[in-house]
C-alpha cells in the first residue's frame, strides 16, 4: 500500500496482557470466538493498525503481547492466535472537502496453536 501513498502498518505492544494496544478497544465475545475490536478516536485515517493476541477458546481470556521479543508470552496447547487488521479509510475526495466521513475496513484470521 505504500506504493499508492499509504504508510507502513502500525503495530504496538500492549500496556497489559489483558488489553489491546493504545489504538484499539476490545469487547469479549463468546468463549472460543474472537471478540470485537474497535479503533479508538485517536487512530488516524488511512493507516493500517495490526492487532495480534492469543485467545483461550475455553474461557475467552486474551493474552496480548507486552514485550518483543520475550519468552513465555505464548501459552500454546490449543490456544487460538487472532490477527486482526483494521483501517479507517477516508477517500481522498472526502478528505479534500474536509469531511470526516470514513469507513472501517477489517480483516481477521484465526489459527489454532498446535505446539
PDB file of N, CA and C in Angstrom:
ATOM      1  N   UNK A   1       0.808  -1.189   0.000  1.00  0.00           N
ATOM      2  CA  UNK A   1       0.000   0.000   0.000  1.00  0.00           C
ATOM      3  C   UNK A   1       0.853   1.256   0.000  1.00  0.00           C
ATOM      4  N   UNK A   2       2.127   1.110   0.381  1.00  0.00           N
ATOM      5  CA  UNK A   2       2.984   2.291   0.395  1.00  0.00           C
ATOM      6  C   UNK A   2       3.205   2.840  -1.012  1.00  0.00           C
ATOM      7  N   UNK A   3       3.065   1.987  -2.022  1.00  0.00           N
ATOM      8  CA  UNK A   3       3.214   2.431  -3.401  1.00  0.00           C
ATOM      9  C   UNK A   3       2.138   3.395  -3.844  1.00  0.00           C
ATOM     10  N   UNK A   4       1.014   3.428  -3.147  1.00  0.00           N
ATOM     11  CA  UNK A   4      -0.061   4.352  -3.521  1.00  0.00           C
ATOM     12  C   UNK A   4      -0.283   5.421  -2.455  1.00  0.00           C
ATOM     13  N   UNK A   5       0.746   5.673  -1.634  1.00  0.00           N
ATOM     14  CA  UNK A   5       0.707   6.795  -0.710  1.00  0.00           C
ATOM     15  C   UNK A   5       0.363   6.498   0.738  1.00  0.00           C
ATOM     16  N   UNK A   6       0.182   5.239   1.098  1.00  0.00           N
ATOM     17  CA  UNK A   6      -0.111   4.903   2.486  1.00  0.00           C
ATOM     18  C   UNK A   6       1.179   4.516   3.193  1.00  0.00           C
ATOM     19  N   UNK A   7       1.259   4.827   4.479  1.00  0.00           N
ATOM     20  CA  UNK A   7       2.439   4.494   5.252  1.00  0.00           C
ATOM     21  C   UNK A   7       2.445   3.037   5.679  1.00  0.00           C
ATOM     22  N   UNK A   8       3.476   2.644   6.424  1.00  0.00           N
ATOM     23  CA  UNK A   8       3.561   1.252   6.891  1.00  0.00           C
ATOM     24  C   UNK A   8       2.497   0.974   7.951  1.00  0.00           C
ATOM     25  N   UNK A   9       2.159  -0.306   8.164  1.00  0.00           N
ATOM     26  CA  UNK A   9       1.196  -0.654   9.208  1.00  0.00           C
ATOM     27  C   UNK A   9       1.729  -0.284  10.589  1.00  0.00           C
ATOM     28  N   UNK A  10       0.820  -0.036  11.521  1.00  0.00           N
ATOM     29  CA  UNK A  10       1.179   0.295  12.893  1.00  0.00           C
ATOM     30  C   UNK A  10       0.946  -0.935  13.765  1.00  0.00           C
ATOM     31  N   UNK A  11       1.992  -1.369  14.474  1.00  0.00           N
ATOM     32  CA  UNK A  11       1.873  -2.440  15.466  1.00  0.00           C
ATOM     33  C   UNK A  11       2.562  -1.965  16.727  1.00  0.00           C
ATOM     34  N   UNK A  12       1.830  -1.978  17.836  1.00  0.00           N
ATOM     35  CA  UNK A  12       2.402  -1.563  19.114  1.00  0.00           C
ATOM     36  C   UNK A  12       2.142  -2.655  20.149  1.00  0.00           C
ATOM     37  N   UNK A  13       3.010  -2.723  21.126  1.00  0.00           N
ATOM     38  CA  UNK A  13       2.814  -3.651  22.237  1.00  0.00           C
ATOM     39  C   UNK A  13       1.732  -3.105  23.162  1.00  0.00           C
ATOM     40  N   UNK A  14       1.112  -3.979  23.915  1.00  0.00           N
ATOM     41  CA  UNK A  14       0.067  -3.587  24.862  1.00  0.00           C
ATOM     42  C   UNK A  14       0.683  -3.177  26.189  1.00  0.00           C
ATOM     43  N   UNK A  15      -0.030  -2.343  26.917  1.00  0.00           N
ATOM     44  CA  UNK A  15       0.454  -1.943  28.244  1.00  0.00           C
ATOM     45  C   UNK A  15       0.174  -3.023  29.280  1.00  0.00           C
ATOM     46  N   UNK A  16      -0.759  -3.946  28.980  1.00  0.00           N
ATOM     47  CA  UNK A  16      -1.014  -5.079  29.868  1.00  0.00           C
ATOM     48  C   UNK A  16      -1.438  -6.278  29.020  1.00  0.00           C
ATOM     49  N   UNK A  17      -1.214  -7.481  29.532  1.00  0.00           N
ATOM     50  CA  UNK A  17      -1.553  -8.695  28.792  1.00  0.00           C
ATOM     51  C   UNK A  17      -3.054  -8.867  28.611  1.00  0.00           C
ATOM     52  N   UNK A  18      -3.863  -8.111  29.364  1.00  0.00           N
ATOM     53  CA  UNK A  18      -5.305  -8.242  29.296  1.00  0.00           C
ATOM     54  C   UNK A  18      -6.009  -7.210  28.443  1.00  0.00           C
ATOM     55  N   UNK A  19      -5.239  -6.327  27.765  1.00  0.00           N
ATOM     56  CA  UNK A  19      -5.885  -5.286  26.960  1.00  0.00           C
ATOM     57  C   UNK A  19      -5.101  -5.037  25.671  1.00  0.00           C
ATOM     58  N   UNK A  20      -5.776  -4.513  24.645  1.00  0.00           N
ATOM     59  CA  UNK A  20      -5.116  -4.262  23.366  1.00  0.00           C
ATOM     60  C   UNK A  20      -4.213  -3.029  23.419  1.00  0.00           C
ATOM     61  N   UNK A  21      -3.455  -2.793  22.351  1.00  0.00           N
ATOM     62  CA  UNK A  21      -2.621  -1.589  22.284  1.00  0.00           C
ATOM     63  C   UNK A  21      -3.479  -0.319  22.338  1.00  0.00           C
ATOM     64  N   UNK A  22      -2.841   0.825  22.474  1.00  0.00           N
ATOM     65  CA  UNK A  22      -3.499   2.121  22.662  1.00  0.00           C
ATOM     66  C   UNK A  22      -4.502   2.476  21.574  1.00  0.00           C
ATOM     67  N   UNK A  23      -4.337   1.942  20.385  1.00  0.00           N
ATOM     68  CA  UNK A  23      -5.177   2.359  19.264  1.00  0.00           C
ATOM     69  C   UNK A  23      -6.447   1.539  19.109  1.00  0.00           C
ATOM     70  N   UNK A  24      -6.745   0.672  20.087  1.00  0.00           N
ATOM     71  CA  UNK A  24      -7.948  -0.146  19.972  1.00  0.00           C
ATOM     72  C   UNK A  24      -8.604  -0.452  21.300  1.00  0.00           C
ATOM     73  N   UNK A  25      -9.864  -0.841  21.227  1.00  0.00           N
ATOM     74  CA  UNK A  25     -10.594  -1.337  22.385  1.00  0.00           C
ATOM     75  C   UNK A  25     -11.097  -2.733  22.047  1.00  0.00           C
ATOM     76  N   UNK A  26     -11.256  -3.563  23.069  1.00  0.00           N
ATOM     77  CA  UNK A  26     -11.656  -4.951  22.863  1.00  0.00           C
ATOM     78  C   UNK A  26     -12.896  -5.260  23.676  1.00  0.00           C
ATOM     79  N   UNK A  27     -13.889  -5.839  23.018  1.00  0.00           N
ATOM     80  CA  UNK A  27     -15.106  -6.291  23.687  1.00  0.00           C
ATOM     81  C   UNK A  27     -15.165  -7.802  23.527  1.00  0.00           C
ATOM     82  N   UNK A  28     -15.103  -8.574  24.630  1.00  0.00           N
ATOM     83  CA  UNK A  28     -15.066 -10.037  24.531  1.00  0.00           C
ATOM     84  C   UNK A  28     -16.290 -10.610  23.817  1.00  0.00           C
ATOM     85  N   UNK A  29     -16.058 -11.739  23.158  1.00  0.00           N
ATOM     86  CA  UNK A  29     -17.137 -12.481  22.526  1.00  0.00           C
ATOM     87  C   UNK A  29     -17.464 -13.706  23.370  1.00  0.00           C
ATOM     88  N   UNK A  30     -18.190 -14.622  22.799  1.00  0.00           N
ATOM     89  CA  UNK A  30     -18.475 -15.885  23.478  1.00  0.00           C
ATOM     90  C   UNK A  30     -17.181 -16.688  23.591  1.00  0.00           C
ATOM     91  N   UNK A  31     -17.057 -17.584  24.589  1.00  0.00           N
ATOM     92  CA  UNK A  31     -15.854 -18.420  24.672  1.00  0.00           C
ATOM     93  C   UNK A  31     -15.605 -19.155  23.349  1.00  0.00           C
ATOM     94  N   UNK A  32     -14.363 -19.120  22.896  1.00  0.00           N
ATOM     95  CA  UNK A  32     -13.990 -19.772  21.642  1.00  0.00           C
ATOM     96  C   UNK A  32     -14.180 -18.915  20.411  1.00  0.00           C
ATOM     97  N   UNK A  33     -14.744 -17.724  20.577  1.00  0.00           N
ATOM     98  CA  UNK A  33     -14.997 -16.826  19.449  1.00  0.00           C
ATOM     99  C   UNK A  33     -14.275 -15.505  19.716  1.00  0.00           C
ATOM    100  N   UNK A  34     -13.480 -15.012  18.757  1.00  0.00           N
ATOM    101  CA  UNK A  34     -12.810 -13.728  18.974  1.00  0.00           C
ATOM    102  C   UNK A  34     -13.817 -12.617  19.268  1.00  0.00           C
ATOM    103  N   UNK A  35     -13.412 -11.695  20.105  1.00  0.00           N
ATOM    104  CA  UNK A  35     -14.258 -10.555  20.440  1.00  0.00           C
ATOM    105  C   UNK A  35     -14.232  -9.498  19.351  1.00  0.00           C
ATOM    106  N   UNK A  36     -14.814  -8.358  19.665  1.00  0.00           N
ATOM    107  CA  UNK A  36     -14.906  -7.255  18.712  1.00  0.00           C
ATOM    108  C   UNK A  36     -13.864  -6.196  19.068  1.00  0.00           C
ATOM    109  N   UNK A  37     -13.055  -5.838  18.083  1.00  0.00           N
ATOM    110  CA  UNK A  37     -12.045  -4.799  18.260  1.00  0.00           C
ATOM    111  C   UNK A  37     -12.515  -3.555  17.518  1.00  0.00           C
ATOM    112  N   UNK A  38     -12.399  -2.407  18.176  1.00  0.00           N
ATOM    113  CA  UNK A  38     -12.735  -1.129  17.558  1.00  0.00           C
ATOM    114  C   UNK A  38     -11.535  -0.204  17.648  1.00  0.00           C
ATOM    115  N   UNK A  39     -11.350   0.618  16.636  1.00  0.00           N
ATOM    116  CA  UNK A  39     -10.285   1.612  16.680  1.00  0.00           C
ATOM    117  C   UNK A  39     -10.704   2.759  17.594  1.00  0.00           C
ATOM    118  N   UNK A  40      -9.749   3.321  18.335  1.00  0.00           N
ATOM    119  CA  UNK A  40     -10.044   4.467  19.198  1.00  0.00           C
ATOM    120  C   UNK A  40     -10.156   5.728  18.354  1.00  0.00           C
ATOM    121  N   UNK A  41     -10.672   6.775  18.944  1.00  0.00           N
ATOM    122  CA  UNK A  41     -10.828   8.046  18.238  1.00  0.00           C
ATOM    123  C   UNK A  41      -9.471   8.611  17.810  1.00  0.00           C
ATOM    124  N   UNK A  42      -8.400   8.274  18.537  1.00  0.00           N
ATOM    125  CA  UNK A  42      -7.070   8.780  18.210  1.00  0.00           C
ATOM    126  C   UNK A  42      -6.393   8.079  17.046  1.00  0.00           C
ATOM    127  N   UNK A  43      -6.989   7.003  16.537  1.00  0.00           N
ATOM    128  CA  UNK A  43      -6.399   6.289  15.399  1.00  0.00           C
ATOM    129  C   UNK A  43      -6.583   7.126  14.126  1.00  0.00           C
ATOM    130  N   UNK A  44      -5.517   7.260  13.377  1.00  0.00           N
ATOM    131  CA  UNK A  44      -5.532   8.094  12.169  1.00  0.00           C
ATOM    132  C   UNK A  44      -6.277   7.415  11.022  1.00  0.00           C
ATOM    133  N   UNK A  45      -6.797   8.210  10.114  1.00  0.00           N
ATOM    134  CA  UNK A  45      -7.411   7.650   8.911  1.00  0.00           C
ATOM    135  C   UNK A  45      -6.312   7.216   7.949  1.00  0.00           C
ATOM    136  N   UNK A  46      -6.659   6.281   7.085  1.00  0.00           N
ATOM    137  CA  UNK A  46      -5.768   5.782   6.033  1.00  0.00           C
ATOM    138  C   UNK A  46      -4.461   5.205   6.575  1.00  0.00           C
ATOM    139  N   UNK A  47      -4.526   4.633   7.768  1.00  0.00           N
ATOM    140  CA  UNK A  47      -3.395   3.956   8.392  1.00  0.00           C
ATOM    141  C   UNK A  47      -3.872   2.578   8.830  1.00  0.00           C
ATOM    142  N   UNK A  48      -3.117   1.543   8.483  1.00  0.00           N
ATOM    143  CA  UNK A  48      -3.490   0.189   8.884  1.00  0.00           C
ATOM    144  C   UNK A  48      -2.942  -0.105  10.277  1.00  0.00           C
ATOM    145  N   UNK A  49      -3.807  -0.637  11.144  1.00  0.00           N
ATOM    146  CA  UNK A  49      -3.435  -0.996  12.505  1.00  0.00           C
ATOM    147  C   UNK A  49      -3.505  -2.513  12.655  1.00  0.00           C
ATOM    148  N   UNK A  50      -2.513  -3.072  13.340  1.00  0.00           N
ATOM    149  CA  UNK A  50      -2.393  -4.519  13.496  1.00  0.00           C
ATOM    150  C   UNK A  50      -2.650  -4.892  14.962  1.00  0.00           C
ATOM    151  N   UNK A  51      -3.524  -5.874  15.148  1.00  0.00           N
ATOM    152  CA  UNK A  51      -3.817  -6.431  16.472  1.00  0.00           C
ATOM    153  C   UNK A  51      -3.491  -7.921  16.431  1.00  0.00           C
ATOM    154  N   UNK A  52      -2.674  -8.395  17.362  1.00  0.00           N
ATOM    155  CA  UNK A  52      -2.339  -9.814  17.455  1.00  0.00           C
ATOM    156  C   UNK A  52      -2.480 -10.223  18.918  1.00  0.00           C
ATOM    157  N   UNK A  53      -3.283 -11.250  19.146  1.00  0.00           N
ATOM    158  CA  UNK A  53      -3.440 -11.719  20.516  1.00  0.00           C
ATOM    159  C   UNK A  53      -3.741 -13.210  20.545  1.00  0.00           C
ATOM    160  N   UNK A  54      -3.579 -13.776  21.720  1.00  0.00           N
ATOM    161  CA  UNK A  54      -3.866 -15.179  21.949  1.00  0.00           C
ATOM    162  C   UNK A  54      -5.204 -15.268  22.693  1.00  0.00           C
ATOM    163  N   UNK A  55      -6.050 -16.202  22.279  1.00  0.00           N
ATOM    164  CA  UNK A  55      -7.382 -16.352  22.861  1.00  0.00           C
ATOM    165  C   UNK A  55      -7.543 -17.761  23.427  1.00  0.00           C
ATOM    166  N   UNK A  56      -7.951 -17.855  24.675  1.00  0.00           N
ATOM    167  CA  UNK A  56      -8.243 -19.146  25.275  1.00  0.00           C
ATOM    168  C   UNK A  56      -9.650 -19.540  24.822  1.00  0.00           C
ATOM    169  N   UNK A  57      -9.799 -20.625  24.028  1.00  0.00           N
ATOM    170  CA  UNK A  57     -11.115 -20.958  23.493  1.00  0.00           C
ATOM    171  C   UNK A  57     -12.103 -21.445  24.558  1.00  0.00           C
ATOM    172  N   UNK A  58     -11.612 -21.860  25.710  1.00  0.00           N
ATOM    173  CA  UNK A  58     -12.492 -22.356  26.773  1.00  0.00           C
ATOM    174  C   UNK A  58     -13.046 -21.225  27.624  1.00  0.00           C
ATOM    175  N   UNK A  59     -12.168 -20.298  28.015  1.00  0.00           N
ATOM    176  CA  UNK A  59     -12.582 -19.231  28.938  1.00  0.00           C
ATOM    177  C   UNK A  59     -12.845 -17.897  28.248  1.00  0.00           C
ATOM    178  N   UNK A  60     -12.293 -17.707  27.056  1.00  0.00           N
ATOM    179  CA  UNK A  60     -12.424 -16.417  26.370  1.00  0.00           C
ATOM    180  C   UNK A  60     -11.384 -15.399  26.801  1.00  0.00           C
ATOM    181  N   UNK A  61     -10.458 -15.784  27.685  1.00  0.00           N
ATOM    182  CA  UNK A  61      -9.412 -14.874  28.154  1.00  0.00           C
ATOM    183  C   UNK A  61      -8.437 -14.558  27.017  1.00  0.00           C
ATOM    184  N   UNK A  62      -7.951 -13.327  26.989  1.00  0.00           N
ATOM    185  CA  UNK A  62      -6.996 -12.900  25.965  1.00  0.00           C
ATOM    186  C   UNK A  62      -5.614 -12.715  26.567  1.00  0.00           C
ATOM    187  N   UNK A  63      -4.594 -12.807  25.710  1.00  0.00           N
ATOM    188  CA  UNK A  63      -3.214 -12.594  26.108  1.00  0.00           C
ATOM    189  C   UNK A  63      -2.568 -11.738  25.016  1.00  0.00           C
ATOM    190  N   UNK A  64      -2.363 -10.458  25.309  1.00  0.00           N
ATOM    191  CA  UNK A  64      -1.771  -9.514  24.365  1.00  0.00           C
ATOM    192  C   UNK A  64      -0.281  -9.390  24.668  1.00  0.00           C
ATOM    193  N   UNK A  65       0.540  -9.255  23.642  1.00  0.00           N
ATOM    194  CA  UNK A  65       1.992  -9.148  23.821  1.00  0.00           C
ATOM    195  C   UNK A  65       2.350  -7.825  24.498  1.00  0.00           C
ATOM    196  N   UNK A  66       3.185  -7.916  25.537  1.00  0.00           N
ATOM    197  CA  UNK A  66       3.655  -6.724  26.243  1.00  0.00           C
ATOM    198  C   UNK A  66       5.150  -6.505  26.075  1.00  0.00           C
ATOM    199  N   UNK A  67       5.831  -7.442  25.411  1.00  0.00           N
ATOM    200  CA  UNK A  67       7.260  -7.302  25.145  1.00  0.00           C
ATOM    201  C   UNK A  67       7.589  -8.027  23.840  1.00  0.00           C
ATOM    202  N   UNK A  68       8.673  -7.600  23.194  1.00  0.00           N
ATOM    203  CA  UNK A  68       9.058  -8.216  21.917  1.00  0.00           C
ATOM    204  C   UNK A  68      10.549  -8.017  21.705  1.00  0.00           C
ATOM    205  N   UNK A  69      11.337  -9.029  21.622  1.00  0.00           N
ATOM    206  CA  UNK A  69      10.980 -10.428  21.879  1.00  0.00           C
ATOM    207  C   UNK A  69      10.986 -10.694  23.373  1.00  0.00           C
ATOM    208  N   UNK A  70      10.248 -11.704  23.777  1.00  0.00           N
ATOM    209  CA  UNK A  70      10.273 -12.127  25.172  1.00  0.00           C
ATOM    210  C   UNK A  70       9.856 -13.584  25.252  1.00  0.00           C
ATOM    211  N   UNK A  71      10.254 -14.231  26.319  1.00  0.00           N
ATOM    212  CA  UNK A  71       9.917 -15.648  26.456  1.00  0.00           C
ATOM    213  C   UNK A  71       8.683 -15.802  27.329  1.00  0.00           C
ATOM    214  N   UNK A  72       7.960 -16.885  27.107  1.00  0.00           N
ATOM    215  CA  UNK A  72       6.811 -17.180  27.941  1.00  0.00           C
ATOM    216  C   UNK A  72       5.551 -16.408  27.621  1.00  0.00           C
ATOM    217  N   UNK A  73       5.524 -15.688  26.510  1.00  0.00           N
ATOM    218  CA  UNK A  73       4.341 -14.898  26.174  1.00  0.00           C
ATOM    219  C   UNK A  73       3.241 -15.792  25.637  1.00  0.00           C
ATOM    220  N   UNK A  74       3.597 -16.729  24.794  1.00  0.00           N
ATOM    221  CA  UNK A  74       2.605 -17.600  24.176  1.00  0.00           C
ATOM    222  C   UNK A  74       2.479 -18.889  24.973  1.00  0.00           C
ATOM    223  N   UNK A  75       1.248 -19.301  25.222  1.00  0.00           N
ATOM    224  CA  UNK A  75       0.980 -20.452  26.069  1.00  0.00           C
ATOM    225  C   UNK A  75       0.925 -21.770  25.317  1.00  0.00           C
ATOM    226  N   UNK A  76       0.559 -21.761  24.037  1.00  0.00           N
ATOM    227  CA  UNK A  76       0.441 -22.999  23.270  1.00  0.00           C
ATOM    228  C   UNK A  76      -0.701 -23.861  23.777  1.00  0.00           C
ATOM    229  N   UNK A  77      -0.663 -25.146  23.421  1.00  0.00           N
ATOM    230  CA  UNK A  77      -1.649 -26.073  23.944  1.00  0.00           C
ATOM    231  C   UNK A  77      -3.077 -25.832  23.510  1.00  0.00           C
ATOM    232  N   UNK A  78      -3.290 -25.539  22.258  1.00  0.00           N
ATOM    233  CA  UNK A  78      -4.649 -25.383  21.749  1.00  0.00           C
ATOM    234  C   UNK A  78      -5.224 -23.988  21.837  1.00  0.00           C
ATOM    235  N   UNK A  79      -4.415 -23.009  22.253  1.00  0.00           N
ATOM    236  CA  UNK A  79      -4.890 -21.634  22.261  1.00  0.00           C
ATOM    237  C   UNK A  79      -5.118 -21.176  20.817  1.00  0.00           C
ATOM    238  N   UNK A  80      -5.903 -20.135  20.635  1.00  0.00           N
ATOM    239  CA  UNK A  80      -6.120 -19.563  19.313  1.00  0.00           C
ATOM    240  C   UNK A  80      -5.288 -18.295  19.171  1.00  0.00           C
ATOM    241  N   UNK A  81      -4.700 -18.101  18.009  1.00  0.00           N
ATOM    242  CA  UNK A  81      -3.992 -16.864  17.705  1.00  0.00           C
ATOM    243  C   UNK A  81      -4.880 -16.069  16.758  1.00  0.00           C
ATOM    244  N   UNK A  82      -5.152 -14.832  17.114  1.00  0.00           N
ATOM    245  CA  UNK A  82      -6.017 -13.976  16.312  1.00  0.00           C
ATOM    246  C   UNK A  82      -5.185 -12.815  15.778  1.00  0.00           C
ATOM    247  N   UNK A  83      -5.258 -12.606  14.468  1.00  0.00           N
ATOM    248  CA  UNK A  83      -4.615 -11.461  13.823  1.00  0.00           C
ATOM    249  C   UNK A  83      -5.732 -10.652  13.189  1.00  0.00           C
ATOM    250  N   UNK A  84      -5.830  -9.391  13.567  1.00  0.00           N
ATOM    251  CA  UNK A  84      -6.892  -8.514  13.075  1.00  0.00           C
ATOM    252  C   UNK A  84      -6.249  -7.253  12.513  1.00  0.00           C
ATOM    253  N   UNK A  85      -6.580  -6.929  11.273  1.00  0.00           N
ATOM    254  CA  UNK A  85      -6.085  -5.726  10.622  1.00  0.00           C
ATOM    255  C   UNK A  85      -7.253  -4.768  10.441  1.00  0.00           C
ATOM    256  N   UNK A  86      -7.053  -3.510  10.799  1.00  0.00           N
ATOM    257  CA  UNK A  86      -8.108  -2.507  10.672  1.00  0.00           C
ATOM    258  C   UNK A  86      -7.548  -1.234  10.056  1.00  0.00           C
ATOM    259  N   UNK A  87      -8.382  -0.596   9.244  1.00  0.00           N
ATOM    260  CA  UNK A  87      -8.021   0.702   8.668  1.00  0.00           C
ATOM    261  C   UNK A  87      -9.271   1.563   8.580  1.00  0.00           C
ATOM    262  N   UNK A  88      -9.197   2.752   9.138  1.00  0.00           N
ATOM    263  CA  UNK A  88     -10.265   3.728   8.984  1.00  0.00           C
ATOM    264  C   UNK A  88      -9.969   4.463   7.674  1.00  0.00           C
ATOM    265  N   UNK A  89     -10.663   4.065   6.618  1.00  0.00           N
ATOM    266  CA  UNK A  89     -10.372   4.559   5.274  1.00  0.00           C
ATOM    267  C   UNK A  89     -11.244   5.753   4.931  1.00  0.00           C
ATOM    268  N   UNK A  90     -10.580   6.799   4.446  1.00  0.00           N
ATOM    269  CA  UNK A  90     -11.278   8.003   4.009  1.00  0.00           C
ATOM    270  C   UNK A  90     -10.804   8.329   2.596  1.00  0.00           C
ATOM    271  N   UNK A  91     -11.711   8.268   1.616  1.00  0.00           N
ATOM    272  CA  UNK A  91     -11.312   8.597   0.243  1.00  0.00           C
ATOM    273  C   UNK A  91     -10.729  10.004   0.159  1.00  0.00           C
ATOM    274  N   UNK A  92      -9.789  10.192  -0.726  1.00  0.00           N
ATOM    275  CA  UNK A  92      -9.112  11.477  -0.893  1.00  0.00           C
ATOM    276  C   UNK A  92     -10.094  12.609  -1.164  1.00  0.00           C
ATOM    277  N   UNK A  93     -11.121  12.344  -1.933  1.00  0.00           N
ATOM    278  CA  UNK A  93     -12.111  13.380  -2.263  1.00  0.00           C
ATOM    279  C   UNK A  93     -12.777  13.912  -0.998  1.00  0.00           C
ATOM    280  N   UNK A  94     -13.151  13.008  -0.093  1.00  0.00           N
ATOM    281  CA  UNK A  94     -13.786  13.444   1.154  1.00  0.00           C
ATOM    282  C   UNK A  94     -12.815  14.212   2.038  1.00  0.00           C
ATOM    283  N   UNK A  95     -11.571  13.778   2.045  1.00  0.00           N
ATOM    284  CA  UNK A  95     -10.556  14.465   2.850  1.00  0.00           C
ATOM    285  C   UNK A  95     -10.330  15.888   2.344  1.00  0.00           C
ATOM    286  N   UNK A  96     -10.306  16.049   1.024  1.00  0.00           N
ATOM    287  CA  UNK A  96     -10.059  17.364   0.434  1.00  0.00           C
ATOM    288  C   UNK A  96     -11.178  18.357   0.719  1.00  0.00           C
ATOM    289  N   UNK A  97     -12.415  17.871   0.842  1.00  0.00           N
ATOM    290  CA  UNK A  97     -13.514  18.795   1.126  1.00  0.00           C
ATOM    291  C   UNK A  97     -13.738  18.972   2.625  1.00  0.00           C
ATOM    292  N   UNK A  98     -12.893  18.329   3.436  1.00  0.00           N
ATOM    293  CA  UNK A  98     -12.955  18.492   4.884  1.00  0.00           C
ATOM    294  C   UNK A  98     -13.977  17.616   5.583  1.00  0.00           C
ATOM    295  N   UNK A  99     -14.460  16.610   4.894  1.00  0.00           N
ATOM    296  CA  UNK A  99     -15.425  15.706   5.506  1.00  0.00           C
ATOM    297  C   UNK A  99     -14.707  14.719   6.421  1.00  0.00           C
ATOM    298  N   UNK A 100     -15.311  14.423   7.544  1.00  0.00           N
ATOM    299  CA  UNK A 100     -14.741  13.448   8.466  1.00  0.00           C
ATOM    300  C   UNK A 100     -15.249  12.036   8.211  1.00  0.00           C
ATOM    301  N   UNK A 101     -16.074  11.881   7.171  1.00  0.00           N
ATOM    302  CA  UNK A 101     -16.662  10.573   6.886  1.00  0.00           C
ATOM    303  C   UNK A 101     -15.584   9.562   6.501  1.00  0.00           C
ATOM    304  N   UNK A 102     -15.673   8.373   7.088  1.00  0.00           N
ATOM    305  CA  UNK A 102     -14.728   7.292   6.791  1.00  0.00           C
ATOM    306  C   UNK A 102     -15.422   5.966   7.097  1.00  0.00           C
ATOM    307  N   UNK A 103     -14.934   4.899   6.476  1.00  0.00           N
ATOM    308  CA  UNK A 103     -15.422   3.562   6.781  1.00  0.00           C
ATOM    309  C   UNK A 103     -14.251   2.749   7.333  1.00  0.00           C
ATOM    310  N   UNK A 104     -14.553   1.791   8.190  1.00  0.00           N
ATOM    311  CA  UNK A 104     -13.503   0.950   8.752  1.00  0.00           C
ATOM    312  C   UNK A 104     -13.431  -0.358   7.975  1.00  0.00           C
ATOM    313  N   UNK A 105     -12.272  -0.618   7.402  1.00  0.00           N
ATOM    314  CA  UNK A 105     -12.007  -1.876   6.714  1.00  0.00           C
ATOM    315  C   UNK A 105     -11.405  -2.828   7.734  1.00  0.00           C
ATOM    316  N   UNK A 106     -11.817  -4.092   7.689  1.00  0.00           N
ATOM    317  CA  UNK A 106     -11.411  -5.048   8.711  1.00  0.00           C
ATOM    318  C   UNK A 106     -11.138  -6.404   8.081  1.00  0.00           C
ATOM    319  N   UNK A 107     -10.038  -7.026   8.471  1.00  0.00           N
ATOM    320  CA  UNK A 107      -9.719  -8.398   8.047  1.00  0.00           C
ATOM    321  C   UNK A 107      -9.224  -9.141   9.277  1.00  0.00           C
ATOM    322  N   UNK A 108      -9.689 -10.382   9.452  1.00  0.00           N
ATOM    323  CA  UNK A 108      -9.315 -11.151  10.624  1.00  0.00           C
ATOM    324  C   UNK A 108      -9.005 -12.588  10.243  1.00  0.00           C
ATOM    325  N   UNK A 109      -7.996 -13.143  10.899  1.00  0.00           N
ATOM    326  CA  UNK A 109      -7.633 -14.543  10.711  1.00  0.00           C
ATOM    327  C   UNK A 109      -7.443 -15.184  12.079  1.00  0.00           C
ATOM    328  N   UNK A 110      -7.913 -16.429  12.211  1.00  0.00           N
ATOM    329  CA  UNK A 110      -7.777 -17.154  13.468  1.00  0.00           C
ATOM    330  C   UNK A 110      -7.126 -18.495  13.177  1.00  0.00           C
ATOM    331  N   UNK A 111      -6.115 -18.859  13.969  1.00  0.00           N
ATOM    332  CA  UNK A 111      -5.438 -20.154  13.817  1.00  0.00           C
ATOM    333  C   UNK A 111      -5.252 -20.770  15.197  1.00  0.00           C
ATOM    334  N   UNK A 112      -5.197 -22.071  15.226  1.00  0.00           N
ATOM    335  CA  UNK A 112      -5.001 -22.792  16.491  1.00  0.00           C
ATOM    336  C   UNK A 112      -3.514 -23.086  16.682  1.00  0.00           C
ATOM    337  N   UNK A 113      -3.001 -22.807  17.890  1.00  0.00           N
ATOM    338  CA  UNK A 113      -1.620 -23.128  18.224  1.00  0.00           C
ATOM    339  C   UNK A 113      -1.536 -24.629  18.478  1.00  0.00           C
ATOM    340  N   UNK A 114      -0.641 -25.297  17.785  1.00  0.00           N
ATOM    341  CA  UNK A 114      -0.548 -26.761  17.898  1.00  0.00           C
ATOM    342  C   UNK A 114       0.755 -27.225  18.529  1.00  0.00           C
ATOM    343  N   UNK A 115       1.384 -26.460  19.342  1.00  0.00           N
ATOM    344  CA  UNK A 115       2.628 -26.901  19.967  1.00  0.00           C
ATOM    345  C   UNK A 115       2.461 -27.061  21.439  1.00  0.00           C
TER     346      UNK A 115
END
